[in-house]
N, C-alpha and C. Protein backbone atom coordinates (compact mmCIF):
# COMPACT_ATOMS: atom_id res chain seq x y z
N UNK A 1 17.46 -24.64 5.68
CA UNK A 1 16.88 -23.34 5.75
C UNK A 1 18.02 -22.25 5.75
N UNK A 2 18.02 -21.20 4.47
CA UNK A 2 18.48 -19.96 4.92
C UNK A 2 17.62 -19.08 5.74
N UNK A 3 18.28 -18.06 6.36
CA UNK A 3 17.80 -17.01 6.99
C UNK A 3 17.17 -15.81 5.54
N UNK A 4 15.74 -15.24 6.30
CA UNK A 4 15.58 -14.23 5.39
C UNK A 4 16.37 -13.33 5.27
N UNK A 5 16.78 -12.28 4.60
CA UNK A 5 17.78 -11.08 4.56
C UNK A 5 16.33 -10.03 4.78
N UNK A 6 16.90 -9.06 5.48
CA UNK A 6 15.98 -8.19 6.24
C UNK A 6 15.89 -6.82 5.24
N UNK A 7 14.69 -6.17 4.67
CA UNK A 7 14.62 -5.48 3.66
C UNK A 7 15.15 -4.27 3.78
N UNK A 8 15.52 -3.43 3.23
CA UNK A 8 16.51 -2.16 2.71
C UNK A 8 15.68 -0.90 3.34
N UNK A 9 16.00 -0.29 4.40
CA UNK A 9 15.93 0.96 5.05
C UNK A 9 14.19 1.53 3.89
N UNK A 10 14.67 1.67 2.71
CA UNK A 10 14.16 2.68 1.60
C UNK A 10 12.81 1.83 1.72
N UNK A 11 12.73 0.50 1.32
CA UNK A 11 11.55 0.21 1.56
C UNK A 11 10.47 -0.11 2.47
N UNK A 12 10.56 -0.06 3.69
CA UNK A 12 9.70 -0.17 5.05
C UNK A 12 8.71 0.91 4.75
N UNK A 13 7.75 0.53 6.04
CA UNK A 13 6.36 1.91 6.19
C UNK A 13 7.04 2.72 6.76
N UNK A 14 8.33 2.45 7.51
CA UNK A 14 8.57 3.21 8.72
C UNK A 14 9.18 5.05 8.09
N UNK A 15 8.59 5.78 8.59
CA UNK A 15 9.25 7.11 7.91
C UNK A 15 9.15 7.85 6.53
N UNK A 16 10.04 8.78 6.16
CA UNK A 16 9.65 8.44 4.63
C UNK A 16 11.08 8.46 4.02
N UNK A 17 10.91 8.02 2.34
CA UNK A 17 12.45 7.53 2.01
C UNK A 17 11.80 8.53 0.78
N UNK A 18 13.24 8.03 0.35
CA UNK A 18 13.05 9.27 -1.36
C UNK A 18 12.34 8.72 -2.27
N UNK A 19 11.28 7.48 -2.05
CA UNK A 19 10.84 6.91 -3.43
C UNK A 19 8.91 7.72 -2.86
N UNK A 20 9.28 8.06 -1.33
CA UNK A 20 7.77 8.81 -1.14
C UNK A 20 7.83 10.15 -2.19
N UNK A 21 8.91 10.73 -2.32
CA UNK A 21 9.01 12.27 -2.87
C UNK A 21 8.45 12.32 -4.13
N UNK A 22 8.81 11.01 -5.04
CA UNK A 22 7.66 11.29 -6.56
C UNK A 22 6.80 11.21 -6.31
N UNK A 23 6.01 12.17 -6.77
CA UNK A 23 4.93 12.87 -7.05
C UNK A 23 4.46 12.78 -8.50
N UNK A 24 5.15 12.37 -9.17
CA UNK A 24 5.08 12.47 -10.58
C UNK A 24 4.31 10.79 -10.98
N UNK A 25 4.00 10.16 -10.17
CA UNK A 25 3.27 8.65 -10.38
C UNK A 25 2.15 8.85 -9.02
N UNK A 26 1.36 8.44 -9.84
CA UNK A 26 0.40 8.00 -8.20
C UNK A 26 0.46 7.13 -7.57
N UNK A 27 0.24 6.70 -6.02
CA UNK A 27 0.80 6.13 -5.09
C UNK A 27 -0.45 4.54 -5.49
N UNK A 28 0.33 3.71 -4.75
CA UNK A 28 -0.48 2.10 -4.84
C UNK A 28 -2.12 2.63 -4.39
N UNK A 29 -1.90 3.50 -3.37
CA UNK A 29 -3.32 3.69 -2.90
C UNK A 29 -4.03 4.49 -3.32
N UNK A 30 -3.82 5.41 -4.32
CA UNK A 30 -4.27 6.39 -5.23
C UNK A 30 -5.12 5.62 -6.25
N UNK A 31 -3.62 4.76 -7.08
CA UNK A 31 -4.82 4.00 -8.28
C UNK A 31 -5.97 2.51 -7.46
N UNK A 32 -5.64 2.71 -6.35
CA UNK A 32 -6.85 1.41 -5.65
C UNK A 32 -7.91 2.30 -5.24
N UNK A 33 -7.89 3.93 -5.20
CA UNK A 33 -9.32 4.03 -5.26
C UNK A 33 -9.91 4.76 -6.03
N UNK A 34 -9.04 4.64 -7.39
CA UNK A 34 -9.75 5.01 -8.73
C UNK A 34 -10.23 3.44 -8.91
N UNK A 35 -9.69 2.48 -8.59
CA UNK A 35 -10.21 1.44 -9.12
C UNK A 35 -11.53 1.22 -8.22
N UNK A 36 -11.39 1.42 -7.03
CA UNK A 36 -12.70 0.85 -6.08
C UNK A 36 -13.86 1.82 -6.69
N UNK A 37 -13.94 2.90 -7.10
CA UNK A 37 -14.59 3.69 -7.68
C UNK A 37 -15.50 3.52 -8.86
N UNK A 38 -14.74 2.67 -9.52
CA UNK A 38 -15.40 2.21 -11.00
C UNK A 38 -15.79 0.85 -10.55
N UNK A 39 -15.68 0.09 -9.36
CA UNK A 39 -16.16 -1.15 -8.80
C UNK A 39 -17.79 -0.89 -8.33
N UNK A 40 -19.03 -1.95 -8.95
CA UNK A 40 -20.04 -1.95 -8.88
C UNK A 40 -20.74 -2.79 -8.20
N UNK A 41 -21.92 -2.93 -7.88
CA UNK A 41 -22.39 -3.87 -6.60
C UNK A 41 -22.47 -4.97 -7.74
N UNK A 42 -22.31 -6.38 -7.57
CA UNK A 42 -22.32 -7.59 -8.43
C UNK A 42 -23.65 -8.26 -7.35
N UNK A 43 -24.94 -8.12 -7.59
CA UNK A 43 -25.74 -8.70 -7.09
C UNK A 43 -25.88 -10.67 -6.98
N UNK A 44 -26.43 -10.75 -5.84
CA UNK A 44 -26.62 -12.04 -5.60
C UNK A 44 -27.65 -12.76 -6.42
N UNK A 45 -27.49 -12.95 -7.63
CA UNK A 45 -28.78 -13.90 -8.63
C UNK A 45 -28.38 -15.08 -9.08
N UNK A 46 -27.14 -15.25 -8.63
CA UNK A 46 -27.09 -16.60 -9.18
C UNK A 46 -27.53 -17.83 -8.24
N UNK A 47 -28.05 -19.14 -8.90
CA UNK A 47 -28.61 -20.08 -7.53
C UNK A 47 -28.01 -21.52 -7.86
N UNK A 48 -27.88 -21.89 -7.25
CA UNK A 48 -27.44 -23.13 -6.81
C UNK A 48 -27.90 -24.39 -6.39
N UNK A 49 -29.36 -24.94 -7.49
CA UNK A 49 -30.73 -25.24 -6.80
C UNK A 49 -30.26 -26.93 -6.21
N UNK A 50 -29.04 -27.60 -6.96
CA UNK A 50 -28.60 -28.82 -6.09
C UNK A 50 -28.22 -28.69 -4.18
N UNK A 51 -27.44 -27.39 -4.31
CA UNK A 51 -27.58 -27.26 -2.52
C UNK A 51 -28.06 -26.07 -2.28
N UNK A 52 -29.35 -25.62 -2.44
CA UNK A 52 -30.22 -24.51 -2.51
C UNK A 52 -29.29 -23.40 -1.62
N UNK A 53 -28.81 -22.82 -2.27
CA UNK A 53 -28.09 -21.25 -2.21
C UNK A 53 -27.78 -20.44 -3.43
N UNK A 54 -27.66 -19.30 -3.31
CA UNK A 54 -27.57 -18.38 -3.79
C UNK A 54 -26.15 -17.74 -4.32
N UNK A 55 -25.78 -16.95 -4.79
CA UNK A 55 -24.21 -16.78 -5.18
C UNK A 55 -24.33 -15.66 -5.70
N UNK A 56 -23.15 -14.58 -5.83
CA UNK A 56 -22.99 -13.63 -6.53
C UNK A 56 -22.44 -13.95 -8.08
N UNK A 57 -22.66 -13.51 -8.85
CA UNK A 57 -21.60 -13.73 -10.03
C UNK A 57 -21.98 -12.84 -11.17
N UNK A 58 -21.20 -12.62 -12.00
CA UNK A 58 -21.29 -11.42 -13.19
C UNK A 58 -20.84 -12.35 -14.45
N UNK A 59 -21.97 -11.99 -15.39
CA UNK A 59 -22.00 -12.89 -16.71
C UNK A 59 -21.60 -11.88 -17.70
N UNK A 60 -20.83 -10.67 -17.86
CA UNK A 60 -20.28 -9.56 -18.59
C UNK A 60 -20.32 -9.79 -20.01
């Protein structure tokens, strides 16, 4: 097996990089927050009678 190369400094989580200065596009965290704002509760209304347990399911 070979060694894994170290990530370039521009994509590590330490400090600012040229990539963090481009605010023309939302960050992945902003996009995740938008998606989670649209997520609704999925009720636990499914029932497995053979093993006698309820489960969450979505029939959209």
